[in-house]
Amino acid sequence: MGDKCDFITNNSGETRKMGEMLAQELHGGEVICLTGDLGSGKTTFSQGVLKSLGAKPPYTSPTFVVMKHYKIKNQKSKIKNVFHIDAYRVGSEDILDLGWEEIIAGGDNVVIVEWAERVKKIIPDSAVWIKFEHKEGDDRKISVS
């Protein structure tokens, strides 16, 4: 890709809205890698993506379960599954053991990986990387590359 875009959000609602906006651009087969410190907006952003794609709530962080699988029943969308992965407490081998290769090969799947930098060696080159940074107060800088 090479291009980089930066956005500033002023609160969690705007960060969630950014996720909703990204979801409108997804067609299936994408891997979205989220990086940034604890509390920087990764899960909030993911909630926006999940909501916009029609995943059934609740949208909680998969920190302790590592991966959550949402079936998408939106008739207008080619996307049938969203896999939300949290790599904070695990390594690449653990993610591979979850069926990673099959998951990312599915053209009707979207994969969101929080803490993706921890499993970078298994992330496909085509992945979209989004970095979250704390700014003043509730402001966040979101960089897409």
Protein backbone atom coordinates (compact mmCIF):
# COMPACT_ATOMS: atom_id res chain seq x y z
CA MET A 1 0.00 0.00 0.00
CA GLY A 2 2.62 2.53 1.08
CA ASP A 3 0.22 5.41 1.61
CA LYS A 4 -0.41 6.53 5.18
CA CYS A 5 -3.41 8.46 6.46
CA ASP A 6 -3.69 10.02 9.90
CA PHE A 7 -6.95 10.82 11.67
CA ILE A 8 -7.68 12.43 15.03
CA THR A 9 -10.72 11.36 17.05
CA ASN A 10 -11.89 13.34 20.07
CA ASN A 11 -13.78 10.64 21.98
CA SER A 12 -14.65 6.95 21.99
CA GLY A 13 -17.77 7.57 19.88
CA GLU A 14 -15.66 9.04 17.07
CA THR A 15 -13.14 6.18 17.35
CA ARG A 16 -16.03 3.69 17.05
CA LYS A 17 -17.37 5.66 14.05
CA MET A 18 -13.97 5.35 12.35
CA GLY A 19 -14.33 1.58 12.68
CA GLU A 20 -17.80 1.77 11.16
CA MET A 21 -16.44 3.79 8.25
CA LEU A 22 -13.64 1.28 7.61
CA ALA A 23 -16.15 -1.57 7.67
CA GLN A 24 -17.98 -0.01 4.71
CA GLU A 25 -14.80 -0.53 2.64
CA LEU A 26 -14.42 -4.23 3.47
CA HIS A 27 -15.35 -6.94 0.98
CA GLY A 28 -14.00 -10.09 2.64
CA GLY A 29 -10.51 -11.52 2.82
CA GLU A 30 -9.03 -8.56 4.74
CA VAL A 31 -6.72 -8.79 7.72
CA ILE A 32 -6.80 -5.63 9.86
CA CYS A 33 -3.89 -5.25 12.28
CA LEU A 34 -4.37 -2.92 15.24
CA THR A 35 -1.42 -1.66 17.29
CA GLY A 36 -1.11 0.79 20.17
CA ASP A 37 -0.86 1.02 23.94
CA LEU A 38 -3.48 -0.30 26.36
CA GLY A 39 -6.55 1.92 26.26
CA SER A 40 -5.61 3.61 23.00
CA GLY A 41 -8.82 2.65 21.17
CA LYS A 42 -8.20 -0.71 19.48
CA THR A 43 -11.21 -2.49 20.98
CA THR A 44 -13.46 0.57 20.61
CA PHE A 45 -12.51 0.78 16.92
CA SER A 46 -13.15 -2.98 16.54
CA GLN A 47 -16.62 -2.53 18.05
CA GLY A 48 -17.42 -0.06 15.28
CA VAL A 49 -16.27 -2.50 12.60
CA LEU A 50 -18.29 -5.34 14.14
CA LYS A 51 -21.44 -3.23 14.53
CA SER A 52 -21.28 -1.94 10.97
CA LEU A 53 -20.77 -5.42 9.51
CA GLY A 54 -23.84 -6.67 11.37
CA ALA A 55 -22.15 -8.88 13.98
CA LYS A 56 -24.36 -9.74 16.94
CA PRO A 57 -23.35 -7.94 20.16
CA PRO A 58 -21.92 -7.89 22.76
CA TYR A 59 -18.59 -6.79 21.30
CA THR A 60 -16.11 -7.45 24.07
CA SER A 61 -12.36 -7.71 23.84
CA PRO A 62 -11.17 -11.27 23.26
CA THR A 63 -8.26 -10.71 25.68
CA PHE A 64 -8.87 -13.84 27.75
CA VAL A 65 -10.40 -16.07 25.08
CA VAL A 66 -7.85 -14.98 22.43
CA MET A 67 -10.34 -15.22 19.54
CA LYS A 68 -14.02 -14.46 19.08
CA HIS A 69 -15.89 -15.62 15.99
CA TYR A 70 -18.87 -13.61 14.78
CA LYS A 71 -21.15 -15.02 12.07
CA ILE A 72 -22.46 -12.28 9.79
CA LYS A 73 -26.00 -12.73 8.50
CA ASN A 74 -26.19 -9.58 6.36
CA GLN A 75 -27.67 -10.70 3.03
CA LYS A 76 -26.14 -7.74 1.17
CA SER A 77 -22.60 -8.56 2.24
CA LYS A 78 -20.21 -11.19 0.93
CA ILE A 79 -18.65 -11.23 4.41
CA LYS A 80 -19.86 -14.24 6.40
CA ASN A 81 -17.43 -14.31 9.36
CA VAL A 82 -15.43 -11.87 11.44
CA PHE A 83 -12.63 -13.21 13.61
CA HIS A 84 -11.53 -10.82 16.37
CA ILE A 85 -8.17 -11.88 17.79
CA ASP A 86 -6.24 -10.46 20.74
CA ALA A 87 -2.55 -11.41 20.56
CA TYR A 88 -1.57 -9.63 23.80
CA ARG A 89 -1.02 -12.82 25.82
CA VAL A 90 -0.10 -15.27 23.05
CA GLY A 91 2.50 -15.89 20.37
CA SER A 92 2.42 -16.75 16.69
CA GLU A 93 2.29 -20.50 17.34
CA ASP A 94 -0.83 -20.09 19.50
CA ILE A 95 -2.57 -18.13 16.73
CA LEU A 96 -1.53 -20.70 14.11
CA ASP A 97 -3.06 -23.42 16.33
CA LEU A 98 -6.44 -21.64 16.12
CA GLY A 99 -6.61 -22.36 12.39
CA TRP A 100 -4.99 -19.08 11.28
CA GLU A 101 -4.06 -20.26 7.76
CA GLU A 102 -7.62 -21.38 6.98
CA ILE A 103 -9.13 -18.26 8.55
CA ILE A 104 -7.04 -15.80 6.52
CA ALA A 105 -7.53 -17.83 3.33
CA GLY A 106 -11.32 -17.43 3.54
CA GLY A 107 -12.48 -14.82 1.04
CA ASP A 108 -15.67 -14.28 3.03
CA ASN A 109 -13.80 -13.68 6.31
CA VAL A 110 -12.56 -10.46 7.89
CA VAL A 111 -9.88 -10.79 10.56
CA ILE A 112 -9.18 -8.10 13.16
CA VAL A 113 -5.99 -8.61 15.17
CA GLU A 114 -5.32 -6.48 18.24
CA TRP A 115 -1.66 -6.37 19.33
CA ALA A 116 -0.75 -7.62 15.85
CA GLU A 117 2.88 -6.52 16.23
CA ARG A 118 3.32 -9.45 18.63
CA VAL A 119 2.55 -11.96 15.85
CA LYS A 120 3.94 -9.98 12.93
CA LYS A 121 5.72 -12.96 11.37
CA ILE A 122 2.41 -14.66 10.49
CA ILE A 123 0.61 -11.53 9.24
CA PRO A 124 0.13 -11.48 5.44
CA ASP A 125 1.80 -8.67 3.46
CA SER A 126 -1.63 -7.52 2.26
CA ALA A 127 -2.78 -6.67 5.81
CA VAL A 128 -3.94 -3.16 6.69
CA TRP A 129 -2.05 -1.76 9.71
CA ILE A 130 -3.74 0.76 11.99
CA LYS A 131 -1.81 2.40 14.81
CA PHE A 132 -3.58 4.03 17.77
CA GLU A 133 -1.92 6.73 19.89
CA HIS A 134 -3.09 8.58 22.99
CA LYS A 135 -3.16 12.34 22.58
CA GLU A 136 -4.48 15.12 24.84
CA GLY A 137 -7.46 13.98 26.99
CA ASP A 138 -9.70 11.59 25.05
CA ASP A 139 -8.12 12.45 21.69
CA ARG A 140 -6.61 9.62 19.66
CA LYS A 141 -4.39 9.68 16.60
CA ILE A 142 -5.26 6.83 14.25
CA SER A 143 -2.73 6.09 11.50
CA VAL A 144 -3.70 3.77 8.66
CA SER A 145 -1.03 2.24 6.41
